[in-house]
Amino acid sequence: MLCNQVKISKMHYLGYAVFAQAKRMLGLGSNRKFLVWKLIKLINDGLIDTNNISVTSIGRTDGVGAQAIAKFTAMCFAEAYNAKYVHAPFESLAHAELSPELWTESWERLLNMSIGGVLLDEKKMQVVKLETYLEDPTLWTKKVVIADLHFHAFCELEPTLGSEVSKKLRSAINVNQLPDSASNEFVIGVHVRRGDVRKGDRETGHRFTENKHVISVLEQVLEVVSGLGYNPKIHLHTNGTAQELEGFSKLSDITYHAGKPALETFISLVKSNVLISARSDFSMLAGIYCKGIVICDPSHRTPLREWIKAGPNCTDIGQQLKLKLNER
């Protein structure tokens, strides 16, 4: 699918152009969203031939969720414009639970985001930062690899490509590191983010989800799954304490996985029949690789089109889930 006519309203584009210019004049750096928008506009105007460009995501040093999602957005951009995605292997991942080398190697092997494609080679490829590329029209006719931290601004405009890229990644992941659940179990994987997020905290409060909201979603899921004759088993993954999980004990057939290794947690979430994700890049990444049905918080990033969105008033989760299960 070619999306080379992704629309950006003229008013929004000009508004961000003024904002981006003011930010630069004040020495506050570039506006990443506008840079991606400008690239899209130049392509739509026929000034850049996408046969000449490849894209990659480099320069991040945060956790695997954030870095992998950033690479995912670059893959989506490449998919849209029939450009090449050049994969830059992980170099430094935060929150390492093994030696740094083994930690990056383990995630690289598991996620397999290169999907048999081209690996970044800065010695043989002309790699140009997005901002530099946009400021130098002489580069627009050359074969270059455009590098940026991420392409989230594209996915916000055109979310449909995420589903296509997700299919490719699901076929590439190697999740055989853990045994499958018992064949008669219907696994409901739940990620409850605690520990590094706190309600009311200025920096992390926007990623906090109330227990009662997650429980409400779970109750709707259990009602549908049980009603269809499945044998549901809840696997709750968290980095929180028992005190932070108040209310979940009223649910039956629930197993708590608190403080388990991240690789084990990720694979377990990916293997869920239904995955209830948190406001977390790690959680969203599991959803991208999950072959089951994903229920997400739509306020975090850009959800895939097939995911069930569990907003504040999520009374129709059961109905949506039932429809999706009957389609399978």
C-alpha atoms as a PDB file:
ATOM      1  CA  MET A   1       0.000   0.000   0.000  1.00  0.00           C
ATOM      2  CA  LEU A   2       1.442   3.339  -1.068  1.00  0.00           C
ATOM      3  CA  CYS A   3       0.445   6.322   1.060  1.00  0.00           C
ATOM      4  CA  ASN A   4       2.324   9.007  -0.810  1.00  0.00           C
ATOM      5  CA  GLN A   5      -0.581  11.398  -0.442  1.00  0.00           C
ATOM      6  CA  VAL A   6      -0.739  11.508   3.331  1.00  0.00           C
ATOM      7  CA  LYS A   7      -2.632  14.695   4.038  1.00  0.00           C
ATOM      8  CA  ILE A   8      -1.469  17.450   6.363  1.00  0.00           C
ATOM      9  CA  SER A   9      -3.759  20.451   6.638  1.00  0.00           C
ATOM     10  CA  LYS A  10      -2.164  23.643   5.367  1.00  0.00           C
ATOM     11  CA  MET A  11      -3.092  25.490   8.558  1.00  0.00           C
ATOM     12  CA  HIS A  12      -1.456  22.871  10.796  1.00  0.00           C
ATOM     13  CA  TYR A  13       1.620  22.711   8.590  1.00  0.00           C
ATOM     14  CA  LEU A  14       2.152  26.480   8.588  1.00  0.00           C
ATOM     15  CA  GLY A  15       1.483  26.639  12.315  1.00  0.00           C
ATOM     16  CA  TYR A  16       4.125  24.035  13.063  1.00  0.00           C
ATOM     17  CA  ALA A  17       6.510  25.731  10.630  1.00  0.00           C
ATOM     18  CA  VAL A  18       6.286  28.961  12.627  1.00  0.00           C
ATOM     19  CA  PHE A  19       6.626  27.083  15.912  1.00  0.00           C
ATOM     20  CA  ALA A  20       9.641  25.117  14.654  1.00  0.00           C
ATOM     21  CA  GLN A  21      11.350  28.273  13.417  1.00  0.00           C
ATOM     22  CA  ALA A  22      10.779  30.067  16.719  1.00  0.00           C
ATOM     23  CA  LYS A  23      12.147  27.081  18.610  1.00  0.00           C
ATOM     24  CA  ARG A  24      15.316  27.095  16.538  1.00  0.00           C
ATOM     25  CA  MET A  25      15.791  30.846  16.901  1.00  0.00           C
ATOM     26  CA  LEU A  26      15.579  30.472  20.678  1.00  0.00           C
ATOM     27  CA  GLY A  27      18.212  27.753  20.586  1.00  0.00           C
ATOM     28  CA  LEU A  28      15.791  25.051  21.739  1.00  0.00           C
ATOM     29  CA  GLY A  29      16.590  22.607  18.969  1.00  0.00           C
ATOM     30  CA  SER A  30      14.413  21.186  16.218  1.00  0.00           C
ATOM     31  CA  ASN A  31      10.779  20.158  16.279  1.00  0.00           C
ATOM     32  CA  ARG A  32      10.822  16.477  15.305  1.00  0.00           C
ATOM     33  CA  LYS A  33       7.181  16.415  14.288  1.00  0.00           C
ATOM     34  CA  PHE A  34       7.620  19.264  11.838  1.00  0.00           C
ATOM     35  CA  LEU A  35      10.751  17.694  10.338  1.00  0.00           C
ATOM     36  CA  VAL A  36       8.814  14.542   9.479  1.00  0.00           C
ATOM     37  CA  TRP A  37       5.907  16.596   8.178  1.00  0.00           C
ATOM     38  CA  LYS A  38       8.274  18.582   5.954  1.00  0.00           C
ATOM     39  CA  LEU A  39       9.724  15.372   4.533  1.00  0.00           C
ATOM     40  CA  ILE A  40       6.206  14.135   3.764  1.00  0.00           C
ATOM     41  CA  LYS A  41       5.312  17.417   2.049  1.00  0.00           C
ATOM     42  CA  LEU A  42       8.440  17.375  -0.110  1.00  0.00           C
ATOM     43  CA  ILE A  43       7.631  13.820  -1.196  1.00  0.00           C
ATOM     44  CA  ASN A  44       4.004  14.708  -1.927  1.00  0.00           C
ATOM     45  CA  ASP A  45       5.145  17.731  -3.950  1.00  0.00           C
ATOM     46  CA  GLY A  46       7.341  15.485  -6.094  1.00  0.00           C
ATOM     47  CA  LEU A  47      10.589  17.106  -4.967  1.00  0.00           C
ATOM     48  CA  ILE A  48      11.967  13.881  -3.475  1.00  0.00           C
ATOM     49  CA  ASP A  49      12.002  10.542  -5.263  1.00  0.00           C
ATOM     50  CA  THR A  50      11.474   7.830  -2.649  1.00  0.00           C
ATOM     51  CA  ASN A  51      13.505   5.431  -4.791  1.00  0.00           C
ATOM     52  CA  ASN A  52      16.527   7.415  -3.641  1.00  0.00           C
ATOM     53  CA  ILE A  53      15.905   7.266   0.083  1.00  0.00           C
ATOM     54  CA  SER A  54      16.164   4.716   2.828  1.00  0.00           C
ATOM     55  CA  VAL A  55      15.218   5.393   6.450  1.00  0.00           C
ATOM     56  CA  THR A  56      16.591   4.279   9.775  1.00  0.00           C
ATOM     57  CA  SER A  57      16.154   5.023  13.467  1.00  0.00           C
ATOM     58  CA  ILE A  58      19.316   5.651  15.455  1.00  0.00           C
ATOM     59  CA  GLY A  59      20.575   7.705  18.364  1.00  0.00           C
ATOM     60  CA  ARG A  60      18.400   6.482  21.236  1.00  0.00           C
ATOM     61  CA  THR A  61      19.773   5.116  24.484  1.00  0.00           C
ATOM     62  CA  ASP A  62      16.546   4.390  26.412  1.00  0.00           C
ATOM     63  CA  GLY A  63      14.768   1.074  26.993  1.00  0.00           C
ATOM     64  CA  VAL A  64      14.011  -1.640  24.473  1.00  0.00           C
ATOM     65  CA  GLY A  65      10.360  -0.651  24.196  1.00  0.00           C
ATOM     66  CA  ALA A  66      11.069   2.943  23.198  1.00  0.00           C
ATOM     67  CA  GLN A  67      13.916   2.003  20.855  1.00  0.00           C
ATOM     68  CA  ALA A  68      12.057  -0.821  19.125  1.00  0.00           C
ATOM     69  CA  ILE A  69       8.904   1.278  18.703  1.00  0.00           C
ATOM     70  CA  ALA A  70      11.065   4.024  17.158  1.00  0.00           C
ATOM     71  CA  LYS A  71      12.429   1.497  14.658  1.00  0.00           C
ATOM     72  CA  PHE A  72       8.886   0.295  14.051  1.00  0.00           C
ATOM     73  CA  THR A  73       7.838   3.823  13.044  1.00  0.00           C
ATOM     74  CA  ALA A  74      10.729   3.988  10.567  1.00  0.00           C
ATOM     75  CA  MET A  75       9.572   0.659   9.123  1.00  0.00           C
ATOM     76  CA  CYS A  76       6.057   2.048   8.742  1.00  0.00           C
ATOM     77  CA  PHE A  77       7.368   5.104   6.913  1.00  0.00           C
ATOM     78  CA  ALA A  78       9.396   2.941   4.559  1.00  0.00           C
ATOM     79  CA  GLU A  79       6.399   0.657   3.952  1.00  0.00           C
ATOM     80  CA  ALA A  80       4.236   3.629   3.011  1.00  0.00           C
ATOM     81  CA  TYR A  81       6.569   5.085   0.422  1.00  0.00           C
ATOM     82  CA  ASN A  82       8.137   1.917  -0.982  1.00  0.00           C
ATOM     83  CA  ALA A  83      11.426   3.105   0.452  1.00  0.00           C
ATOM     84  CA  LYS A  84      13.981   0.835   2.080  1.00  0.00           C
ATOM     85  CA  TYR A  85      14.136   0.325   5.808  1.00  0.00           C
ATOM     86  CA  VAL A  86      17.746   0.044   6.952  1.00  0.00           C
ATOM     87  CA  HIS A  87      18.058  -1.647  10.305  1.00  0.00           C
ATOM     88  CA  ALA A  88      20.470  -0.298  12.898  1.00  0.00           C
ATOM     89  CA  PRO A  89      21.050  -3.037  15.507  1.00  0.00           C
ATOM     90  CA  PHE A  90      20.627  -2.065  19.146  1.00  0.00           C
ATOM     91  CA  GLU A  91      23.826  -0.628  20.583  1.00  0.00           C
ATOM     92  CA  SER A  92      22.853   0.469  24.074  1.00  0.00           C
ATOM     93  CA  LEU A  93      19.644  -0.516  25.855  1.00  0.00           C
ATOM     94  CA  ALA A  94      18.730   0.899  29.242  1.00  0.00           C
ATOM     95  CA  HIS A  95      17.508  -1.224  32.168  1.00  0.00           C
ATOM     96  CA  ALA A  96      19.891  -4.073  31.329  1.00  0.00           C
ATOM     97  CA  GLU A  97      19.315  -7.244  33.343  1.00  0.00           C
ATOM     98  CA  LEU A  98      22.316  -9.028  31.821  1.00  0.00           C
ATOM     99  CA  SER A  99      25.697  -7.799  30.658  1.00  0.00           C
ATOM    100  CA  PRO A 100      25.186  -4.889  28.206  1.00  0.00           C
ATOM    101  CA  GLU A 101      26.405  -6.962  25.266  1.00  0.00           C
ATOM    102  CA  LEU A 102      24.243  -9.978  26.059  1.00  0.00           C
ATOM    103  CA  TRP A 103      21.250  -7.770  26.818  1.00  0.00           C
ATOM    104  CA  THR A 104      21.298  -6.036  23.427  1.00  0.00           C
ATOM    105  CA  GLU A 105      22.122  -9.274  21.631  1.00  0.00           C
ATOM    106  CA  SER A 106      19.202 -11.107  23.277  1.00  0.00           C
ATOM    107  CA  TRP A 107      16.660  -8.476  22.243  1.00  0.00           C
ATOM    108  CA  GLU A 108      18.134  -8.155  18.754  1.00  0.00           C
ATOM    109  CA  ARG A 109      17.826 -11.890  18.209  1.00  0.00           C
ATOM    110  CA  LEU A 110      14.327 -12.122  19.697  1.00  0.00           C
ATOM    111  CA  LEU A 111      12.719  -9.162  17.892  1.00  0.00           C
ATOM    112  CA  ASN A 112      14.490  -9.803  14.574  1.00  0.00           C
ATOM    113  CA  MET A 113      13.529  -6.379  13.246  1.00  0.00           C
ATOM    114  CA  SER A 114      15.850  -6.570  10.253  1.00  0.00           C
ATOM    115  CA  ILE A 115      13.444  -9.157   8.726  1.00  0.00           C
ATOM    116  CA  GLY A 116      16.107 -10.206   6.255  1.00  0.00           C
ATOM    117  CA  GLY A 117      16.595  -6.615   5.138  1.00  0.00           C
ATOM    118  CA  VAL A 118      19.548  -4.282   4.922  1.00  0.00           C
ATOM    119  CA  LEU A 119      21.748  -3.584   7.954  1.00  0.00           C
ATOM    120  CA  LEU A 120      23.133  -0.112   8.511  1.00  0.00           C
ATOM    121  CA  ASP A 121      26.748   0.277   7.399  1.00  0.00           C
ATOM    122  CA  GLU A 122      27.893   3.852   7.922  1.00  0.00           C
ATOM    123  CA  LYS A 123      31.162   3.155   6.103  1.00  0.00           C
ATOM    124  CA  LYS A 124      29.438   2.141   2.874  1.00  0.00           C
ATOM    125  CA  MET A 125      26.221   4.166   3.096  1.00  0.00           C
ATOM    126  CA  GLN A 126      25.701   7.908   3.051  1.00  0.00           C
ATOM    127  CA  VAL A 127      23.812   8.385   6.322  1.00  0.00           C
ATOM    128  CA  VAL A 128      22.313  11.846   6.793  1.00  0.00           C
ATOM    129  CA  LYS A 129      20.342  13.208   9.718  1.00  0.00           C
ATOM    130  CA  LEU A 130      16.806  14.189   8.761  1.00  0.00           C
ATOM    131  CA  GLU A 131      17.326  17.858   9.604  1.00  0.00           C
ATOM    132  CA  THR A 132      20.501  18.039   7.508  1.00  0.00           C
ATOM    133  CA  TYR A 133      18.792  16.287   4.615  1.00  0.00           C
ATOM    134  CA  LEU A 134      15.886  18.725   4.580  1.00  0.00           C
ATOM    135  CA  GLU A 135      18.193  21.758   4.604  1.00  0.00           C
ATOM    136  CA  ASP A 136      20.309  20.603   1.650  1.00  0.00           C
ATOM    137  CA  PRO A 137      18.372  20.159  -1.631  1.00  0.00           C
ATOM    138  CA  THR A 138      21.506  18.777  -3.306  1.00  0.00           C
ATOM    139  CA  LEU A 139      20.948  15.608  -1.280  1.00  0.00           C
ATOM    140  CA  TRP A 140      17.420  15.099  -2.615  1.00  0.00           C
ATOM    141  CA  THR A 141      18.641  13.477  -5.840  1.00  0.00           C
ATOM    142  CA  LYS A 142      21.239  11.239  -4.181  1.00  0.00           C
ATOM    143  CA  LYS A 143      20.977   7.768  -2.682  1.00  0.00           C
ATOM    144  CA  VAL A 144      20.996   8.391   1.048  1.00  0.00           C
ATOM    145  CA  VAL A 145      19.881   6.858   4.308  1.00  0.00           C
ATOM    146  CA  ILE A 146      17.787   9.366   6.274  1.00  0.00           C
ATOM    147  CA  ALA A 147      18.357   8.904   9.997  1.00  0.00           C
ATOM    148  CA  ASP A 148      16.227  10.208  12.836  1.00  0.00           C
ATOM    149  CA  LEU A 149      15.331   9.196  16.387  1.00  0.00           C
ATOM    150  CA  HIS A 150      11.839   8.129  15.317  1.00  0.00           C
ATOM    151  CA  PHE A 151       9.000   8.730  12.840  1.00  0.00           C
ATOM    152  CA  HIS A 152       6.092   8.876  15.286  1.00  0.00           C
ATOM    153  CA  ALA A 153       4.701  11.931  13.503  1.00  0.00           C
ATOM    154  CA  PHE A 154       4.120   9.812  10.401  1.00  0.00           C
ATOM    155  CA  CYS A 155       2.302   7.057  12.282  1.00  0.00           C
ATOM    156  CA  GLU A 156       0.029   9.652  13.875  1.00  0.00           C
ATOM    157  CA  LEU A 157      -1.011  10.773  10.392  1.00  0.00           C
ATOM    158  CA  GLU A 158      -1.218   7.343   8.791  1.00  0.00           C
ATOM    159  CA  PRO A 159      -1.757   4.575  11.391  1.00  0.00           C
ATOM    160  CA  THR A 160      -2.911   1.897   8.934  1.00  0.00           C
ATOM    161  CA  LEU A 161       0.619   0.884   7.927  1.00  0.00           C
ATOM    162  CA  GLY A 162       1.360  -0.285  11.442  1.00  0.00           C
ATOM    163  CA  SER A 163      -0.838  -3.340  10.953  1.00  0.00           C
ATOM    164  CA  GLU A 164       1.034  -4.372   7.816  1.00  0.00           C
ATOM    165  CA  VAL A 165       4.434  -4.037   9.475  1.00  0.00           C
ATOM    166  CA  SER A 166       3.137  -5.831  12.569  1.00  0.00           C
ATOM    167  CA  LYS A 167       2.224  -8.872  10.459  1.00  0.00           C
ATOM    168  CA  LYS A 168       5.787  -9.086   9.182  1.00  0.00           C
ATOM    169  CA  LEU A 169       7.264  -8.781  12.654  1.00  0.00           C
ATOM    170  CA  ARG A 170       4.921 -11.429  14.085  1.00  0.00           C
ATOM    171  CA  SER A 171       6.150 -13.863  11.460  1.00  0.00           C
ATOM    172  CA  ALA A 172       9.774 -13.062  12.274  1.00  0.00           C
ATOM    173  CA  ILE A 173       9.831 -13.246  16.066  1.00  0.00           C
ATOM    174  CA  ASN A 174      11.269 -16.302  17.777  1.00  0.00           C
ATOM    175  CA  VAL A 175       9.169 -16.970  20.876  1.00  0.00           C
ATOM    176  CA  ASN A 176      10.167 -20.587  21.314  1.00  0.00           C
ATOM    177  CA  GLN A 177      12.215 -19.672  24.375  1.00  0.00           C
ATOM    178  CA  LEU A 178       9.217 -20.419  26.611  1.00  0.00           C
ATOM    179  CA  PRO A 179       6.800 -23.348  26.447  1.00  0.00           C
ATOM    180  CA  ASP A 180       3.254 -22.710  25.283  1.00  0.00           C
ATOM    181  CA  SER A 181       0.429 -22.667  27.798  1.00  0.00           C
ATOM    182  CA  ALA A 182      -1.675 -25.758  28.303  1.00  0.00           C
ATOM    183  CA  SER A 183      -3.810 -26.315  25.213  1.00  0.00           C
ATOM    184  CA  ASN A 184      -7.050 -26.007  27.154  1.00  0.00           C
ATOM    185  CA  GLU A 185      -6.111 -22.630  28.659  1.00  0.00           C
ATOM    186  CA  PHE A 186      -7.149 -19.302  27.217  1.00  0.00           C
ATOM    187  CA  VAL A 187      -4.427 -16.935  28.388  1.00  0.00           C
ATOM    188  CA  ILE A 188      -5.300 -13.360  29.236  1.00  0.00           C
ATOM    189  CA  GLY A 189      -2.062 -11.429  29.589  1.00  0.00           C
ATOM    190  CA  VAL A 190      -2.209  -8.201  31.570  1.00  0.00           C
ATOM    191  CA  HIS A 191       0.511  -5.614  31.980  1.00  0.00           C
ATOM    192  CA  VAL A 192       0.012  -3.329  34.997  1.00  0.00           C
ATOM    193  CA  ARG A 193       2.732  -0.708  35.065  1.00  0.00           C
ATOM    194  CA  ARG A 194       3.800   0.308  38.538  1.00  0.00           C
ATOM    195  CA  GLY A 195       7.086   0.995  40.295  1.00  0.00           C
ATOM    196  CA  ASP A 196       8.450   3.576  37.846  1.00  0.00           C
ATOM    197  CA  VAL A 197       5.099   5.364  37.467  1.00  0.00           C
ATOM    198  CA  ARG A 198       3.105   6.987  40.237  1.00  0.00           C
ATOM    199  CA  LYS A 199      -0.330   8.544  40.322  1.00  0.00           C
ATOM    200  CA  GLY A 200      -0.094  12.320  40.602  1.00  0.00           C
ATOM    201  CA  ASP A 201       3.599  12.415  39.720  1.00  0.00           C
ATOM    202  CA  ARG A 202       4.353  15.302  37.343  1.00  0.00           C
ATOM    203  CA  GLU A 203       6.685  13.255  35.163  1.00  0.00           C
ATOM    204  CA  THR A 204       5.094   9.804  35.189  1.00  0.00           C
ATOM    205  CA  GLY A 205       1.466  10.318  36.224  1.00  0.00           C
ATOM    206  CA  HIS A 206       0.240  10.371  32.599  1.00  0.00           C
ATOM    207  CA  ARG A 207       1.306   6.721  32.276  1.00  0.00           C
ATOM    208  CA  PHE A 208      -0.517   5.545  35.386  1.00  0.00           C
ATOM    209  CA  THR A 209      -3.723   3.513  34.979  1.00  0.00           C
ATOM    210  CA  GLU A 210      -6.079   2.975  37.910  1.00  0.00           C
ATOM    211  CA  ASN A 211      -6.541  -0.612  39.102  1.00  0.00           C
ATOM    212  CA  LYS A 212     -10.315  -0.244  38.840  1.00  0.00           C
ATOM    213  CA  HIS A 213     -10.032   0.549  35.127  1.00  0.00           C
ATOM    214  CA  VAL A 214      -7.915  -2.529  34.394  1.00  0.00           C
ATOM    215  CA  ILE A 215     -10.234  -4.694  36.528  1.00  0.00           C
ATOM    216  CA  SER A 216     -13.268  -3.370  34.652  1.00  0.00           C
ATOM    217  CA  VAL A 217     -11.698  -4.372  31.343  1.00  0.00           C
ATOM    218  CA  LEU A 218     -10.711  -7.746  32.751  1.00  0.00           C
ATOM    219  CA  GLU A 219     -14.234  -8.464  34.015  1.00  0.00           C
ATOM    220  CA  GLN A 220     -15.677  -7.773  30.579  1.00  0.00           C
ATOM    221  CA  VAL A 221     -13.083 -10.015  28.955  1.00  0.00           C
ATOM    222  CA  LEU A 222     -13.710 -12.847  31.423  1.00  0.00           C
ATOM    223  CA  GLU A 223     -17.471 -12.689  30.887  1.00  0.00           C
ATOM    224  CA  VAL A 224     -17.106 -13.020  27.112  1.00  0.00           C
ATOM    225  CA  VAL A 225     -14.374 -15.655  27.159  1.00  0.00           C
ATOM    226  CA  SER A 226     -16.151 -17.834  29.719  1.00  0.00           C
ATOM    227  CA  GLY A 227     -19.429 -17.427  27.878  1.00  0.00           C
ATOM    228  CA  LEU A 228     -17.847 -18.773  24.695  1.00  0.00           C
ATOM    229  CA  GLY A 229     -16.659 -21.887  26.517  1.00  0.00           C
ATOM    230  CA  TYR A 230     -12.996 -21.061  26.930  1.00  0.00           C
ATOM    231  CA  ASN A 231     -10.989 -21.819  30.066  1.00  0.00           C
ATOM    232  CA  PRO A 232      -9.537 -18.387  30.925  1.00  0.00           C
ATOM    233  CA  LYS A 233      -6.338 -17.970  32.904  1.00  0.00           C
ATOM    234  CA  ILE A 234      -5.093 -14.497  33.840  1.00  0.00           C
ATOM    235  CA  HIS A 235      -1.359 -13.841  33.882  1.00  0.00           C
ATOM    236  CA  LEU A 236      -0.740 -10.435  35.462  1.00  0.00           C
ATOM    237  CA  HIS A 237       2.693  -8.960  34.854  1.00  0.00           C
ATOM    238  CA  THR A 238       3.848  -6.023  36.915  1.00  0.00           C
ATOM    239  CA  ASN A 239       6.798  -4.382  38.596  1.00  0.00           C
ATOM    240  CA  GLY A 240       4.571  -3.242  41.447  1.00  0.00           C
ATOM    241  CA  THR A 241       3.948  -4.480  44.986  1.00  0.00           C
ATOM    242  CA  ALA A 242       0.994  -6.371  46.443  1.00  0.00           C
ATOM    243  CA  GLN A 243      -0.274  -3.122  47.965  1.00  0.00           C
ATOM    244  CA  GLU A 244      -0.311  -1.515  44.517  1.00  0.00           C
ATOM    245  CA  LEU A 245      -2.478  -4.320  43.110  1.00  0.00           C
ATOM    246  CA  GLU A 246      -5.429  -3.875  45.440  1.00  0.00           C
ATOM    247  CA  GLY A 247      -8.668  -5.230  43.997  1.00  0.00           C
ATOM    248  CA  PHE A 248      -7.282  -7.874  41.652  1.00  0.00           C
ATOM    249  CA  SER A 249      -7.596 -10.620  44.266  1.00  0.00           C
ATOM    250  CA  LYS A 250     -11.354 -10.789  43.694  1.00  0.00           C
ATOM    251  CA  LEU A 251     -10.678 -12.282  40.271  1.00  0.00           C
ATOM    252  CA  SER A 252     -10.276 -16.037  40.047  1.00  0.00           C
ATOM    253  CA  ASP A 253      -7.651 -17.987  38.095  1.00  0.00           C
ATOM    254  CA  ILE A 254      -5.072 -15.228  38.292  1.00  0.00           C
ATOM    255  CA  THR A 255      -1.319 -15.749  38.477  1.00  0.00           C
ATOM    256  CA  TYR A 256       0.911 -12.864  39.504  1.00  0.00           C
ATOM    257  CA  HIS A 257       4.265 -12.374  37.807  1.00  0.00           C
ATOM    258  CA  ALA A 258       5.868  -9.583  39.821  1.00  0.00           C
ATOM    259  CA  GLY A 259       9.414  -8.526  39.059  1.00  0.00           C
ATOM    260  CA  LYS A 260      10.068 -11.306  36.533  1.00  0.00           C
ATOM    261  CA  PRO A 261      12.856 -10.853  33.943  1.00  0.00           C
ATOM    262  CA  ALA A 262      11.831  -8.524  31.128  1.00  0.00           C
ATOM    263  CA  LEU A 263      12.545 -11.034  28.364  1.00  0.00           C
ATOM    264  CA  GLU A 264      10.366 -13.651  30.047  1.00  0.00           C
ATOM    265  CA  THR A 265       7.612 -11.096  30.654  1.00  0.00           C
ATOM    266  CA  PHE A 266       7.685  -9.921  27.054  1.00  0.00           C
ATOM    267  CA  ILE A 267       7.444 -13.401  25.568  1.00  0.00           C
ATOM    268  CA  SER A 268       4.608 -14.311  27.914  1.00  0.00           C
ATOM    269  CA  LEU A 269       2.671 -11.180  26.914  1.00  0.00           C
ATOM    270  CA  VAL A 270       3.271 -11.889  23.232  1.00  0.00           C
ATOM    271  CA  LYS A 271       1.877 -15.416  23.599  1.00  0.00           C
ATOM    272  CA  SER A 272      -1.388 -14.224  25.170  1.00  0.00           C
ATOM    273  CA  ASN A 273      -4.714 -15.030  23.523  1.00  0.00           C
ATOM    274  CA  VAL A 274      -5.884 -11.628  24.752  1.00  0.00           C
ATOM    275  CA  LEU A 275      -3.360  -8.984  25.779  1.00  0.00           C
ATOM    276  CA  ILE A 276      -4.401  -6.023  27.927  1.00  0.00           C
ATOM    277  CA  SER A 277      -1.567  -3.546  27.547  1.00  0.00           C
ATOM    278  CA  ALA A 278      -0.485  -0.601  29.695  1.00  0.00           C
ATOM    279  CA  ARG A 279       0.567   2.939  28.837  1.00  0.00           C
ATOM    280  CA  SER A 280       4.030   1.693  28.063  1.00  0.00           C
ATOM    281  CA  ASP A 281       6.220   1.324  24.962  1.00  0.00           C
ATOM    282  CA  PHE A 282       7.291  -2.088  26.266  1.00  0.00           C
ATOM    283  CA  SER A 283       3.645  -3.095  26.476  1.00  0.00           C
ATOM    284  CA  MET A 284       2.830  -1.647  23.057  1.00  0.00           C
ATOM    285  CA  LEU A 285       5.768  -3.506  21.542  1.00  0.00           C
ATOM    286  CA  ALA A 286       4.382  -6.768  22.946  1.00  0.00           C
ATOM    287  CA  GLY A 287       1.068  -5.887  21.305  1.00  0.00           C
ATOM    288  CA  ILE A 288       2.738  -5.355  17.932  1.00  0.00           C
ATOM    289  CA  TYR A 289       4.217  -8.864  18.113  1.00  0.00           C
ATOM    290  CA  CYS A 290       1.165 -10.534  19.684  1.00  0.00           C
ATOM    291  CA  LYS A 291      -0.900 -12.843  17.463  1.00  0.00           C
ATOM    292  CA  GLY A 292      -3.824 -12.656  19.867  1.00  0.00           C
ATOM    293  CA  ILE A 293      -6.315  -9.842  20.407  1.00  0.00           C
ATOM    294  CA  VAL A 294      -4.864  -6.664  21.888  1.00  0.00           C
ATOM    295  CA  ILE A 295      -6.775  -4.296  24.152  1.00  0.00           C
ATOM    296  CA  CYS A 296      -4.950  -0.996  24.568  1.00  0.00           C
ATOM    297  CA  ASP A 297      -5.185   2.437  26.104  1.00  0.00           C
ATOM    298  CA  PRO A 298      -5.627   4.721  23.057  1.00  0.00           C
ATOM    299  CA  SER A 299      -3.956   7.633  24.860  1.00  0.00           C
ATOM    300  CA  HIS A 300      -0.544   5.972  24.479  1.00  0.00           C
ATOM    301  CA  ARG A 301       1.080   6.345  21.050  1.00  0.00           C
ATOM    302  CA  THR A 302      -0.878   5.424  17.920  1.00  0.00           C
ATOM    303  CA  PRO A 303      -2.753   2.115  18.322  1.00  0.00           C
ATOM    304  CA  LEU A 304      -2.924  -0.385  15.491  1.00  0.00           C
ATOM    305  CA  ARG A 305      -6.257  -0.252  13.683  1.00  0.00           C
ATOM    306  CA  GLU A 306      -7.347  -3.738  14.771  1.00  0.00           C
ATOM    307  CA  TRP A 307      -6.697  -3.204  18.465  1.00  0.00           C
ATOM    308  CA  ILE A 308      -9.609  -2.717  20.845  1.00  0.00           C
ATOM    309  CA  LYS A 309      -9.380   0.736  22.390  1.00  0.00           C
ATOM    310  CA  ALA A 310     -10.182   0.801  26.101  1.00  0.00           C
ATOM    311  CA  GLY A 311     -10.709   4.466  26.842  1.00  0.00           C
ATOM    312  CA  PRO A 312     -12.137   5.917  30.082  1.00  0.00           C
ATOM    313  CA  ASN A 313     -15.668   4.702  29.283  1.00  0.00           C
ATOM    314  CA  CYS A 314     -14.971   1.177  28.056  1.00  0.00           C
ATOM    315  CA  THR A 315     -18.350  -0.524  28.550  1.00  0.00           C
ATOM    316  CA  ASP A 316     -18.347  -1.996  25.033  1.00  0.00           C
ATOM    317  CA  ILE A 317     -15.098  -3.971  25.354  1.00  0.00           C
ATOM    318  CA  GLY A 318     -16.973  -7.260  25.717  1.00  0.00           C
ATOM    319  CA  GLN A 319     -19.021  -6.710  22.588  1.00  0.00           C
ATOM    320  CA  GLN A 320     -15.959  -5.855  20.501  1.00  0.00           C
ATOM    321  CA  LEU A 321     -14.040  -8.827  21.863  1.00  0.00           C
ATOM    322  CA  LYS A 322     -16.886 -11.227  21.155  1.00  0.00           C
ATOM    323  CA  LEU A 323     -17.021 -10.110  17.546  1.00  0.00           C
ATOM    324  CA  LYS A 324     -13.288 -10.587  17.099  1.00  0.00           C
ATOM    325  CA  LEU A 325     -13.278 -14.020  18.756  1.00  0.00           C
ATOM    326  CA  ASN A 326     -16.158 -15.182  16.561  1.00  0.00           C
ATOM    327  CA  GLU A 327     -14.185 -14.092  13.493  1.00  0.00           C
ATOM    328  CA  ARG A 328     -11.304 -16.402  14.431  1.00  0.00           C
END
